[in-house]
Amino acid sequence: MEQPIHPSERMFQDLPAALVEEALARTHQVGQQVSEALQRIRSQRETYRQQLQERGLIQRDGEVPYAPIPTTCGVDGAYAIERLLATDLVAAAAVAVEGLSPPSRAALLGAASASGHH
């Protein structure tokens, strides 16, 4: 019985060989550029943090005011790992959104009356 092919083993199967060779030849260059970009960000970390604090964008959870009306919050994230010959390329993203217009008191009372709750 034939063994199933793991998805990572057929990753480059449909690509032209020259394209795969060129991509693999550039992995060191790309890795170097990514590393340098991350190092620049890391070296500026305190500056970025100070700017965010000065603008009031960083707060402790106890400092964030309580919202007495219903709100909605959504958080999602994703990651991808591309396994290459000499290294793995990892990308991660996260997103958090809070908002939606809160319902008016009249709308809340109307919904409660319609459902029989007061």
PDB file of N, CA and C in Angstrom:
ATOM      1  N   MET A   1       0.838  -1.186   0.000  1.00  0.00           N
ATOM      2  CA  MET A   1       0.000   0.000   0.000  1.00  0.00           C
ATOM      3  C   MET A   1       0.882   1.249   0.000  1.00  0.00           C
ATOM      4  N   GLU A   2       0.553   2.197  -0.832  1.00  0.00           N
ATOM      5  CA  GLU A   2       1.352   3.413  -0.983  1.00  0.00           C
ATOM      6  C   GLU A   2       1.128   4.353   0.202  1.00  0.00           C
ATOM      7  N   GLN A   3       2.232   4.879   0.737  1.00  0.00           N
ATOM      8  CA  GLN A   3       2.156   5.808   1.857  1.00  0.00           C
ATOM      9  C   GLN A   3       1.656   7.163   1.377  1.00  0.00           C
ATOM     10  N   PRO A   4       0.757   7.815   2.150  1.00  0.00           N
ATOM     11  CA  PRO A   4       0.308   9.157   1.751  1.00  0.00           C
ATOM     12  C   PRO A   4       1.466  10.148   1.827  1.00  0.00           C
ATOM     13  N   ILE A   5       1.446  11.112   0.941  1.00  0.00           N
ATOM     14  CA  ILE A   5       2.490  12.146   0.920  1.00  0.00           C
ATOM     15  C   ILE A   5       2.114  13.235   1.906  1.00  0.00           C
ATOM     16  N   HIS A   6       3.032  13.549   2.800  1.00  0.00           N
ATOM     17  CA  HIS A   6       2.819  14.629   3.765  1.00  0.00           C
ATOM     18  C   HIS A   6       2.765  15.957   3.012  1.00  0.00           C
ATOM     19  N   PRO A   7       1.858  16.883   3.413  1.00  0.00           N
ATOM     20  CA  PRO A   7       1.741  18.159   2.684  1.00  0.00           C
ATOM     21  C   PRO A   7       3.059  18.905   2.516  1.00  0.00           C
ATOM     22  N   SER A   8       3.943  18.851   3.521  1.00  0.00           N
ATOM     23  CA  SER A   8       5.212  19.574   3.400  1.00  0.00           C
ATOM     24  C   SER A   8       6.119  18.952   2.337  1.00  0.00           C
ATOM     25  N   GLU A   9       5.915  17.673   2.024  1.00  0.00           N
ATOM     26  CA  GLU A   9       6.738  17.007   1.020  1.00  0.00           C
ATOM     27  C   GLU A   9       6.316  17.358  -0.398  1.00  0.00           C
ATOM     28  N   ARG A  10       5.095  17.841  -0.576  1.00  0.00           N
ATOM     29  CA  ARG A  10       4.653  18.216  -1.922  1.00  0.00           C
ATOM     30  C   ARG A  10       4.488  19.723  -2.073  1.00  0.00           C
ATOM     31  N   MET A  11       5.065  20.455  -1.149  1.00  0.00           N
ATOM     32  CA  MET A  11       4.951  21.905  -1.135  1.00  0.00           C
ATOM     33  C   MET A  11       5.439  22.529  -2.445  1.00  0.00           C
ATOM     34  N   PHE A  12       6.549  22.052  -2.972  1.00  0.00           N
ATOM     35  CA  PHE A  12       7.148  22.643  -4.173  1.00  0.00           C
ATOM     36  C   PHE A  12       6.847  21.825  -5.431  1.00  0.00           C
ATOM     37  N   GLN A  13       6.026  20.824  -5.316  1.00  0.00           N
ATOM     38  CA  GLN A  13       5.793  19.872  -6.394  1.00  0.00           C
ATOM     39  C   GLN A  13       5.313  20.527  -7.687  1.00  0.00           C
ATOM     40  N   ASP A  14       4.427  21.507  -7.603  1.00  0.00           N
ATOM     41  CA  ASP A  14       3.845  22.107  -8.804  1.00  0.00           C
ATOM     42  C   ASP A  14       4.609  23.331  -9.306  1.00  0.00           C
ATOM     43  N   LEU A  15       5.697  23.681  -8.653  1.00  0.00           N
ATOM     44  CA  LEU A  15       6.468  24.857  -9.066  1.00  0.00           C
ATOM     45  C   LEU A  15       7.589  24.460 -10.022  1.00  0.00           C
ATOM     46  N   PRO A  16       7.941  25.345 -10.949  1.00  0.00           N
ATOM     47  CA  PRO A  16       9.087  25.064 -11.829  1.00  0.00           C
ATOM     48  C   PRO A  16      10.370  24.928 -11.003  1.00  0.00           C
ATOM     49  N   ALA A  17      11.220  24.006 -11.386  1.00  0.00           N
ATOM     50  CA  ALA A  17      12.451  23.734 -10.637  1.00  0.00           C
ATOM     51  C   ALA A  17      13.322  24.975 -10.500  1.00  0.00           C
ATOM     52  N   ALA A  18      13.418  25.792 -11.556  1.00  0.00           N
ATOM     53  CA  ALA A  18      14.255  26.993 -11.503  1.00  0.00           C
ATOM     54  C   ALA A  18      13.740  27.973 -10.451  1.00  0.00           C
ATOM     55  N   LEU A  19      12.422  28.083 -10.328  1.00  0.00           N
ATOM     56  CA  LEU A  19      11.836  28.982  -9.335  1.00  0.00           C
ATOM     57  C   LEU A  19      12.138  28.495  -7.923  1.00  0.00           C
ATOM     58  N   VAL A  20      12.015  27.193  -7.713  1.00  0.00           N
ATOM     59  CA  VAL A  20      12.316  26.616  -6.406  1.00  0.00           C
ATOM     60  C   VAL A  20      13.781  26.838  -6.059  1.00  0.00           C
ATOM     61  N   GLU A  21      14.675  26.592  -7.021  1.00  0.00           N
ATOM     62  CA  GLU A  21      16.107  26.789  -6.777  1.00  0.00           C
ATOM     63  C   GLU A  21      16.416  28.239  -6.441  1.00  0.00           C
ATOM     64  N   GLU A  22      15.797  29.174  -7.161  1.00  0.00           N
ATOM     65  CA  GLU A  22      16.030  30.597  -6.896  1.00  0.00           C
ATOM     66  C   GLU A  22      15.511  30.975  -5.509  1.00  0.00           C
ATOM     67  N   ALA A  23      14.322  30.480  -5.160  1.00  0.00           N
ATOM     68  CA  ALA A  23      13.757  30.778  -3.841  1.00  0.00           C
ATOM     69  C   ALA A  23      14.654  30.226  -2.736  1.00  0.00           C
ATOM     70  N   LEU A  24      15.118  28.999  -2.906  1.00  0.00           N
ATOM     71  CA  LEU A  24      15.990  28.399  -1.904  1.00  0.00           C
ATOM     72  C   LEU A  24      17.332  29.113  -1.825  1.00  0.00           C
ATOM     73  N   ALA A  25      17.821  29.598  -2.952  1.00  0.00           N
ATOM     74  CA  ALA A  25      19.095  30.314  -2.963  1.00  0.00           C
ATOM     75  C   ALA A  25      18.994  31.638  -2.209  1.00  0.00           C
ATOM     76  N   ARG A  26      17.803  32.182  -2.121  1.00  0.00           N
ATOM     77  CA  ARG A  26      17.625  33.483  -1.463  1.00  0.00           C
ATOM     78  C   ARG A  26      17.208  33.368   0.000  1.00  0.00           C
ATOM     79  N   THR A  27      17.056  32.173   0.528  1.00  0.00           N
ATOM     80  CA  THR A  27      16.589  32.048   1.908  1.00  0.00           C
ATOM     81  C   THR A  27      17.545  32.704   2.896  1.00  0.00           C
ATOM     82  N   HIS A  28      18.840  32.592   2.664  1.00  0.00           N
ATOM     83  CA  HIS A  28      19.794  33.236   3.569  1.00  0.00           C
ATOM     84  C   HIS A  28      19.626  34.753   3.523  1.00  0.00           C
ATOM     85  N   GLN A  29      19.500  35.306   2.321  1.00  0.00           N
ATOM     86  CA  GLN A  29      19.330  36.751   2.153  1.00  0.00           C
ATOM     87  C   GLN A  29      18.043  37.224   2.839  1.00  0.00           C
ATOM     88  N   VAL A  30      16.956  36.509   2.625  1.00  0.00           N
ATOM     89  CA  VAL A  30      15.679  36.884   3.240  1.00  0.00           C
ATOM     90  C   VAL A  30      15.776  36.768   4.757  1.00  0.00           C
ATOM     91  N   GLY A  31      16.366  35.687   5.230  1.00  0.00           N
ATOM     92  CA  GLY A  31      16.551  35.511   6.667  1.00  0.00           C
ATOM     93  C   GLY A  31      17.368  36.630   7.271  1.00  0.00           C
ATOM     94  N   GLN A  32      18.410  37.045   6.572  1.00  0.00           N
ATOM     95  CA  GLN A  32      19.254  38.141   7.043  1.00  0.00           C
ATOM     96  C   GLN A  32      18.453  39.442   7.119  1.00  0.00           C
ATOM     97  N   GLN A  33      17.647  39.718   6.092  1.00  0.00           N
ATOM     98  CA  GLN A  33      16.842  40.944   6.076  1.00  0.00           C
ATOM     99  C   GLN A  33      15.800  40.939   7.191  1.00  0.00           C
ATOM    100  N   VAL A  34      15.158  39.797   7.405  1.00  0.00           N
ATOM    101  CA  VAL A  34      14.172  39.698   8.480  1.00  0.00           C
ATOM    102  C   VAL A  34      14.851  39.893   9.829  1.00  0.00           C
ATOM    103  N   SER A  35      15.994  39.258  10.012  1.00  0.00           N
ATOM    104  CA  SER A  35      16.741  39.388  11.260  1.00  0.00           C
ATOM    105  C   SER A  35      17.152  40.834  11.514  1.00  0.00           C
ATOM    106  N   GLU A  36      17.639  41.520  10.488  1.00  0.00           N
ATOM    107  CA  GLU A  36      18.039  42.922  10.634  1.00  0.00           C
ATOM    108  C   GLU A  36      16.843  43.806  10.965  1.00  0.00           C
ATOM    109  N   ALA A  37      15.701  43.561  10.317  1.00  0.00           N
ATOM    110  CA  ALA A  37      14.501  44.355  10.588  1.00  0.00           C
ATOM    111  C   ALA A  37      14.039  44.158  12.031  1.00  0.00           C
ATOM    112  N   LEU A  38      14.051  42.917  12.498  1.00  0.00           N
ATOM    113  CA  LEU A  38      13.654  42.650  13.879  1.00  0.00           C
ATOM    114  C   LEU A  38      14.640  43.264  14.864  1.00  0.00           C
ATOM    115  N   GLN A  39      15.918  43.242  14.532  1.00  0.00           N
ATOM    116  CA  GLN A  39      16.927  43.840  15.404  1.00  0.00           C
ATOM    117  C   GLN A  39      16.729  45.351  15.502  1.00  0.00           C
ATOM    118  N   ARG A  40      16.411  46.000  14.365  1.00  0.00           N
ATOM    119  CA  ARG A  40      16.142  47.452  14.393  1.00  0.00           C
ATOM    120  C   ARG A  40      14.946  47.758  15.293  1.00  0.00           C
ATOM    121  N   ILE A  41      13.901  46.964  15.169  1.00  0.00           N
ATOM    122  CA  ILE A  41      12.716  47.169  16.013  1.00  0.00           C
ATOM    123  C   ILE A  41      13.076  46.943  17.475  1.00  0.00           C
ATOM    124  N   ARG A  42      13.812  45.874  17.751  1.00  0.00           N
ATOM    125  CA  ARG A  42      14.205  45.558  19.123  1.00  0.00           C
ATOM    126  C   ARG A  42      15.057  46.680  19.719  1.00  0.00           C
ATOM    127  N   SER A  43      15.951  47.260  18.922  1.00  0.00           N
ATOM    128  CA  SER A  43      16.814  48.326  19.441  1.00  0.00           C
ATOM    129  C   SER A  43      16.028  49.611  19.710  1.00  0.00           C
ATOM    130  N   GLN A  44      14.886  49.785  19.057  1.00  0.00           N
ATOM    131  CA  GLN A  44      14.049  50.974  19.246  1.00  0.00           C
ATOM    132  C   GLN A  44      12.878  50.719  20.198  1.00  0.00           C
ATOM    133  N   ARG A  45      12.863  49.557  20.818  1.00  0.00           N
ATOM    134  CA  ARG A  45      11.723  49.159  21.649  1.00  0.00           C
ATOM    135  C   ARG A  45      11.364  50.193  22.711  1.00  0.00           C
ATOM    136  N   GLU A  46      12.337  50.653  23.459  1.00  0.00           N
ATOM    137  CA  GLU A  46      12.054  51.614  24.526  1.00  0.00           C
ATOM    138  C   GLU A  46      11.522  52.929  23.967  1.00  0.00           C
ATOM    139  N   THR A  47      12.054  53.365  22.827  1.00  0.00           N
ATOM    140  CA  THR A  47      11.569  54.592  22.188  1.00  0.00           C
ATOM    141  C   THR A  47      10.113  54.427  21.779  1.00  0.00           C
ATOM    142  N   TYR A  48       9.790  53.313  21.137  1.00  0.00           N
ATOM    143  CA  TYR A  48       8.405  53.052  20.722  1.00  0.00           C
ATOM    144  C   TYR A  48       7.481  52.994  21.933  1.00  0.00           C
ATOM    145  N   ARG A  49       7.930  52.312  22.980  1.00  0.00           N
ATOM    146  CA  ARG A  49       7.117  52.183  24.195  1.00  0.00           C
ATOM    147  C   ARG A  49       6.858  53.546  24.819  1.00  0.00           C
ATOM    148  N   GLN A  50       7.890  54.378  24.890  1.00  0.00           N
ATOM    149  CA  GLN A  50       7.736  55.714  25.469  1.00  0.00           C
ATOM    150  C   GLN A  50       6.744  56.543  24.650  1.00  0.00           C
ATOM    151  N   GLN A  51       6.837  56.473  23.330  1.00  0.00           N
ATOM    152  CA  GLN A  51       5.903  57.213  22.472  1.00  0.00           C
ATOM    153  C   GLN A  51       4.464  56.756  22.705  1.00  0.00           C
ATOM    154  N   LEU A  52       4.253  55.465  22.822  1.00  0.00           N
ATOM    155  CA  LEU A  52       2.908  54.942  23.074  1.00  0.00           C
ATOM    156  C   LEU A  52       2.390  55.382  24.441  1.00  0.00           C
ATOM    157  N   GLN A  53       3.269  55.390  25.445  1.00  0.00           N
ATOM    158  CA  GLN A  53       2.858  55.828  26.776  1.00  0.00           C
ATOM    159  C   GLN A  53       2.517  57.315  26.784  1.00  0.00           C
ATOM    160  N   GLU A  54       3.323  58.128  26.091  1.00  0.00           N
ATOM    161  CA  GLU A  54       3.056  59.564  26.030  1.00  0.00           C
ATOM    162  C   GLU A  54       1.713  59.857  25.371  1.00  0.00           C
ATOM    163  N   ARG A  55       1.310  59.020  24.443  1.00  0.00           N
ATOM    164  CA  ARG A  55       0.020  59.200  23.757  1.00  0.00           C
ATOM    165  C   ARG A  55      -1.132  58.548  24.519  1.00  0.00           C
ATOM    166  N   GLY A  56      -0.832  57.931  25.646  1.00  0.00           N
ATOM    167  CA  GLY A  56      -1.874  57.292  26.447  1.00  0.00           C
ATOM    168  C   GLY A  56      -2.418  56.010  25.848  1.00  0.00           C
ATOM    169  N   LEU A  57      -1.622  55.349  25.020  1.00  0.00           N
ATOM    170  CA  LEU A  57      -2.086  54.140  24.350  1.00  0.00           C
ATOM    171  C   LEU A  57      -1.729  52.859  25.096  1.00  0.00           C
ATOM    172  N   ILE A  58      -0.900  52.978  26.141  1.00  0.00           N
ATOM    173  CA  ILE A  58      -0.574  51.819  26.972  1.00  0.00           C
ATOM    174  C   ILE A  58      -1.130  52.093  28.360  1.00  0.00           C
ATOM    175  N   GLN A  59      -1.981  51.206  28.827  1.00  0.00           N
ATOM    176  CA  GLN A  59      -2.579  51.351  30.150  1.00  0.00           C
ATOM    177  C   GLN A  59      -2.626  49.991  30.829  1.00  0.00           C
ATOM    178  N   ARG A  60      -2.696  50.020  32.148  1.00  0.00           N
ATOM    179  CA  ARG A  60      -2.928  48.788  32.895  1.00  0.00           C
ATOM    180  C   ARG A  60      -4.424  48.503  32.848  1.00  0.00           C
ATOM    181  N   ASP A  61      -4.784  47.245  32.988  1.00  0.00           N
ATOM    182  CA  ASP A  61      -6.208  46.915  32.876  1.00  0.00           C
ATOM    183  C   ASP A  61      -7.049  47.618  33.934  1.00  0.00           C
ATOM    184  N   GLY A  62      -6.483  47.907  35.095  1.00  0.00           N
ATOM    185  CA  GLY A  62      -7.214  48.626  36.139  1.00  0.00           C
ATOM    186  C   GLY A  62      -7.455  50.089  35.797  1.00  0.00           C
ATOM    187  N   GLU A  63      -6.688  50.631  34.868  1.00  0.00           N
ATOM    188  CA  GLU A  63      -6.834  52.035  34.473  1.00  0.00           C
ATOM    189  C   GLU A  63      -7.875  52.227  33.380  1.00  0.00           C
ATOM    190  N   VAL A  64      -8.243  51.154  32.709  1.00  0.00           N
ATOM    191  CA  VAL A  64      -9.212  51.253  31.622  1.00  0.00           C
ATOM    192  C   VAL A  64     -10.591  51.410  32.241  1.00  0.00           C
ATOM    193  N   PRO A  65     -11.327  52.453  31.860  1.00  0.00           N
ATOM    194  CA  PRO A  65     -12.634  52.687  32.479  1.00  0.00           C
ATOM    195  C   PRO A  65     -13.620  51.556  32.176  1.00  0.00           C
ATOM    196  N   TYR A  66     -14.482  51.303  33.135  1.00  0.00           N
ATOM    197  CA  TYR A  66     -15.518  50.285  32.986  1.00  0.00           C
ATOM    198  C   TYR A  66     -16.602  50.812  32.056  1.00  0.00           C
ATOM    199  N   ALA A  67     -17.041  49.993  31.146  1.00  0.00           N
ATOM    200  CA  ALA A  67     -18.122  50.369  30.232  1.00  0.00           C
ATOM    201  C   ALA A  67     -19.429  49.818  30.790  1.00  0.00           C
ATOM    202  N   PRO A  68     -20.305  50.677  31.302  1.00  0.00           N
ATOM    203  CA  PRO A  68     -21.530  50.190  31.932  1.00  0.00           C
ATOM    204  C   PRO A  68     -22.563  49.663  30.931  1.00  0.00           C
ATOM    205  N   ILE A  69     -22.407  49.987  29.675  1.00  0.00           N
ATOM    206  CA  ILE A  69     -23.350  49.516  28.673  1.00  0.00           C
ATOM    207  C   ILE A  69     -22.732  48.344  27.922  1.00  0.00           C
ATOM    208  N   PRO A  70     -23.547  47.481  27.381  1.00  0.00           N
ATOM    209  CA  PRO A  70     -22.990  46.303  26.690  1.00  0.00           C
ATOM    210  C   PRO A  70     -22.107  46.692  25.502  1.00  0.00           C
ATOM    211  N   THR A  71     -20.982  46.051  25.410  1.00  0.00           N
ATOM    212  CA  THR A  71     -20.096  46.230  24.260  1.00  0.00           C
ATOM    213  C   THR A  71     -19.723  44.848  23.747  1.00  0.00           C
ATOM    214  N   THR A  72     -19.091  44.836  22.637  1.00  0.00           N
ATOM    215  CA  THR A  72     -18.661  43.579  22.039  1.00  0.00           C
ATOM    216  C   THR A  72     -17.164  43.638  21.797  1.00  0.00           C
ATOM    217  N   CYS A  73     -16.506  42.540  22.057  1.00  0.00           N
ATOM    218  CA  CYS A  73     -15.068  42.471  21.827  1.00  0.00           C
ATOM    219  C   CYS A  73     -14.770  41.176  21.086  1.00  0.00           C
ATOM    220  N   GLY A  74     -13.900  41.265  20.097  1.00  0.00           N
ATOM    221  CA  GLY A  74     -13.490  40.073  19.366  1.00  0.00           C
ATOM    222  C   GLY A  74     -11.981  40.007  19.274  1.00  0.00           C
ATOM    223  N   VAL A  75     -11.432  38.846  19.514  1.00  0.00           N
ATOM    224  CA  VAL A  75      -9.987  38.643  19.448  1.00  0.00           C
ATOM    225  C   VAL A  75      -9.734  37.424  18.566  1.00  0.00           C
ATOM    226  N   ASP A  76      -8.775  37.545  17.680  1.00  0.00           N
ATOM    227  CA  ASP A  76      -8.452  36.417  16.811  1.00  0.00           C
ATOM    228  C   ASP A  76      -6.970  36.465  16.488  1.00  0.00           C
ATOM    229  N   GLY A  77      -6.432  35.359  16.135  1.00  0.00           N
ATOM    230  CA  GLY A  77      -5.023  35.306  15.770  1.00  0.00           C
ATOM    231  C   GLY A  77      -4.782  34.144  14.833  1.00  0.00           C
ATOM    232  N   ALA A  78      -3.648  34.177  14.220  1.00  0.00           N
ATOM    233  CA  ALA A  78      -3.294  33.106  13.302  1.00  0.00           C
ATOM    234  C   ALA A  78      -1.779  33.008  13.211  1.00  0.00           C
ATOM    235  N   TYR A  79      -1.329  31.850  12.819  1.00  0.00           N
ATOM    236  CA  TYR A  79       0.100  31.708  12.565  1.00  0.00           C
ATOM    237  C   TYR A  79       0.300  30.709  11.438  1.00  0.00           C
ATOM    238  N   ALA A  80       1.430  30.821  10.806  1.00  0.00           N
ATOM    239  CA  ALA A  80       1.783  29.893   9.735  1.00  0.00           C
ATOM    240  C   ALA A  80       3.260  29.555   9.864  1.00  0.00           C
ATOM    241  N   ILE A  81       3.574  28.310   9.648  1.00  0.00           N
ATOM    242  CA  ILE A  81       4.969  27.864   9.677  1.00  0.00           C
ATOM    243  C   ILE A  81       5.286  27.262   8.318  1.00  0.00           C
ATOM    244  N   GLU A  82       6.262  27.835   7.655  1.00  0.00           N
ATOM    245  CA  GLU A  82       6.704  27.329   6.352  1.00  0.00           C
ATOM    246  C   GLU A  82       8.038  26.628   6.584  1.00  0.00           C
ATOM    247  N   ARG A  83       8.039  25.336   6.516  1.00  0.00           N
ATOM    248  CA  ARG A  83       9.257  24.571   6.785  1.00  0.00           C
ATOM    249  C   ARG A  83      10.118  24.547   5.525  1.00  0.00           C
ATOM    250  N   LEU A  84      11.311  25.106   5.643  1.00  0.00           N
ATOM    251  CA  LEU A  84      12.250  25.145   4.528  1.00  0.00           C
ATOM    252  C   LEU A  84      13.392  24.176   4.810  1.00  0.00           C
ATOM    253  N   LEU A  85      14.318  24.076   3.900  1.00  0.00           N
ATOM    254  CA  LEU A  85      15.414  23.114   4.066  1.00  0.00           C
ATOM    255  C   LEU A  85      16.285  23.422   5.277  1.00  0.00           C
ATOM    256  N   ALA A  86      16.719  24.669   5.412  1.00  0.00           N
ATOM    257  CA  ALA A  86      17.669  24.997   6.466  1.00  0.00           C
ATOM    258  C   ALA A  86      17.031  25.698   7.656  1.00  0.00           C
ATOM    259  N   THR A  87      15.828  26.192   7.496  1.00  0.00           N
ATOM    260  CA  THR A  87      15.209  26.959   8.574  1.00  0.00           C
ATOM    261  C   THR A  87      13.699  26.909   8.424  1.00  0.00           C
ATOM    262  N   ASP A  88      13.004  27.397   9.414  1.00  0.00           N
ATOM    263  CA  ASP A  88      11.551  27.530   9.332  1.00  0.00           C
ATOM    264  C   ASP A  88      11.213  29.013   9.312  1.00  0.00           C
ATOM    265  N   LEU A  89      10.285  29.394   8.465  1.00  0.00           N
ATOM    266  CA  LEU A  89       9.820  30.774   8.391  1.00  0.00           C
ATOM    267  C   LEU A  89       8.473  30.821   9.101  1.00  0.00           C
ATOM    268  N   VAL A  90       8.355  31.689  10.105  1.00  0.00           N
ATOM    269  CA  VAL A  90       7.142  31.764  10.913  1.00  0.00           C
ATOM    270  C   VAL A  90       6.534  33.146  10.777  1.00  0.00           C
ATOM    271  N   ALA A  91       5.236  33.201  10.558  1.00  0.00           N
ATOM    272  CA  ALA A  91       4.508  34.469  10.527  1.00  0.00           C
ATOM    273  C   ALA A  91       3.362  34.367  11.525  1.00  0.00           C
ATOM    274  N   ALA A  92       3.164  35.422  12.296  1.00  0.00           N
ATOM    275  CA  ALA A  92       2.086  35.428  13.284  1.00  0.00           C
ATOM    276  C   ALA A  92       1.365  36.765  13.223  1.00  0.00           C
ATOM    277  N   ALA A  93       0.085  36.730  13.484  1.00  0.00           N
ATOM    278  CA  ALA A  93      -0.715  37.953  13.491  1.00  0.00           C
ATOM    279  C   ALA A  93      -1.784  37.832  14.563  1.00  0.00           C
ATOM    280  N   ALA A  94      -2.111  38.937  15.177  1.00  0.00           N
ATOM    281  CA  ALA A  94      -3.173  38.969  16.179  1.00  0.00           C
ATOM    282  C   ALA A  94      -3.975  40.243  15.987  1.00  0.00           C
ATOM    283  N   VAL A  95      -5.225  40.153  16.294  1.00  0.00           N
ATOM    284  CA  VAL A  95      -6.102  41.299  16.118  1.00  0.00           C
ATOM    285  C   VAL A  95      -7.134  41.301  17.248  1.00  0.00           C
ATOM    286  N   ALA A  96      -7.415  42.461  17.779  1.00  0.00           N
ATOM    287  CA  ALA A  96      -8.460  42.614  18.792  1.00  0.00           C
ATOM    288  C   ALA A  96      -9.287  43.828  18.416  1.00  0.00           C
ATOM    289  N   VAL A  97     -10.583  43.681  18.471  1.00  0.00           N
ATOM    290  CA  VAL A  97     -11.479  44.771  18.103  1.00  0.00           C
ATOM    291  C   VAL A  97     -12.577  44.861  19.143  1.00  0.00           C
ATOM    292  N   GLU A  98     -12.825  46.065  19.604  1.00  0.00           N
ATOM    293  CA  GLU A  98     -13.947  46.286  20.498  1.00  0.00           C
ATOM    294  C   GLU A  98     -14.805  47.367  19.890  1.00  0.00           C
ATOM    295  N   GLY A  99     -16.079  47.237  20.054  1.00  0.00           N
ATOM    296  CA  GLY A  99     -16.918  48.291  19.533  1.00  0.00           C
ATOM    297  C   GLY A  99     -18.347  47.884  19.347  1.00  0.00           C
ATOM    298  N   LEU A 100     -18.906  48.296  18.267  1.00  0.00           N
ATOM    299  CA  LEU A 100     -20.314  48.218  17.935  1.00  0.00           C
ATOM    300  C   LEU A 100     -21.053  49.290  18.717  1.00  0.00           C
ATOM    301  N   SER A 101     -21.978  49.889  18.088  1.00  0.00           N
ATOM    302  CA  SER A 101     -22.779  50.899  18.763  1.00  0.00           C
ATOM    303  C   SER A 101     -23.622  50.214  19.819  1.00  0.00           C
ATOM    304  N   PRO A 102     -23.526  50.679  21.054  1.00  0.00           N
ATOM    305  CA  PRO A 102     -24.322  50.039  22.098  1.00  0.00           C
ATOM    306  C   PRO A 102     -25.808  50.314  21.868  1.00  0.00           C
ATOM    307  N   PRO A 103     -26.654  49.379  22.246  1.00  0.00           N
ATOM    308  CA  PRO A 103     -28.086  49.604  22.078  1.00  0.00           C
ATOM    309  C   PRO A 103     -28.574  50.698  23.022  1.00  0.00           C
ATOM    310  N   SER A 104     -29.596  51.395  22.609  1.00  0.00           N
ATOM    311  CA  SER A 104     -30.140  52.450  23.467  1.00  0.00           C
ATOM    312  C   SER A 104     -30.939  51.818  24.599  1.00  0.00           C
ATOM    313  N   ARG A 105     -31.133  52.568  25.665  1.00  0.00           N
ATOM    314  CA  ARG A 105     -31.907  52.079  26.812  1.00  0.00           C
ATOM    315  C   ARG A 105     -33.318  51.701  26.366  1.00  0.00           C
ATOM    316  N   ALA A 106     -33.912  52.505  25.490  1.00  0.00           N
ATOM    317  CA  ALA A 106     -35.268  52.220  25.016  1.00  0.00           C
ATOM    318  C   ALA A 106     -35.307  50.882  24.275  1.00  0.00           C
ATOM    319  N   ALA A 107     -34.297  50.614  23.469  1.00  0.00           N
ATOM    320  CA  ALA A 107     -34.257  49.352  22.734  1.00  0.00           C
ATOM    321  C   ALA A 107     -34.104  48.179  23.695  1.00  0.00           C
ATOM    322  N   LEU A 108     -33.290  48.361  24.743  1.00  0.00           N
ATOM    323  CA  LEU A 108     -33.125  47.300  25.734  1.00  0.00           C
ATOM    324  C   LEU A 108     -34.427  47.033  26.471  1.00  0.00           C
ATOM    325  N   LEU A 109     -35.118  48.110  26.876  1.00  0.00           N
ATOM    326  CA  LEU A 109     -36.387  47.952  27.585  1.00  0.00           C
ATOM    327  C   LEU A 109     -37.439  47.324  26.678  1.00  0.00           C
ATOM    328  N   GLY A 110     -37.441  47.709  25.404  1.00  0.00           N
ATOM    329  CA  GLY A 110     -38.389  47.134  24.454  1.00  0.00           C
ATOM    330  C   GLY A 110     -38.157  45.646  24.276  1.00  0.00           C
ATOM    331  N   ALA A 111     -36.914  45.235  24.204  1.00  0.00           N
ATOM    332  CA  ALA A 111     -36.591  43.818  24.041  1.00  0.00           C
ATOM    333  C   ALA A 111     -36.981  43.035  25.286  1.00  0.00           C
ATOM    334  N   ALA A 112     -36.768  43.630  26.468  1.00  0.00           N
ATOM    335  CA  ALA A 112     -37.129  42.961  27.712  1.00  0.00           C
ATOM    336  C   ALA A 112     -38.641  42.811  27.815  1.00  0.00           C
ATOM    337  N   SER A 113     -39.394  43.840  27.415  1.00  0.00           N
ATOM    338  CA  SER A 113     -40.861  43.775  27.459  1.00  0.00           C
ATOM    339  C   SER A 113     -41.384  42.712  26.506  1.00  0.00           C
ATOM    340  N   ALA A 114     -40.790  42.631  25.323  1.00  0.00           N
ATOM    341  CA  ALA A 114     -41.241  41.669  24.321  1.00  0.00           C
ATOM    342  C   ALA A 114     -40.997  40.235  24.776  1.00  0.00           C
ATOM    343  N   SER A 115     -39.943  40.029  25.563  1.00  0.00           N
ATOM    344  CA  SER A 115     -39.637  38.668  26.008  1.00  0.00           C
ATOM    345  C   SER A 115     -40.320  38.329  27.325  1.00  0.00           C
ATOM    346  N   GLY A 116     -41.014  39.288  27.921  1.00  0.00           N
ATOM    347  CA  GLY A 116     -41.722  39.032  29.169  1.00  0.00           C
ATOM    348  C   GLY A 116     -40.888  39.297  30.399  1.00  0.00           C
ATOM    349  N   HIS A 117     -39.673  39.806  30.264  1.00  0.00           N
ATOM    350  CA  HIS A 117     -38.809  40.143  31.394  1.00  0.00           C
ATOM    351  C   HIS A 117     -38.915  41.631  31.678  1.00  0.00           C
ATOM    352  N   HIS A 118     -38.911  42.005  32.922  1.00  0.00           N
ATOM    353  CA  HIS A 118     -38.957  43.438  33.285  1.00  0.00           C
ATOM    354  C   HIS A 118     -37.814  43.772  34.185  1.00  0.00           C
TER     355      HIS A 118
END
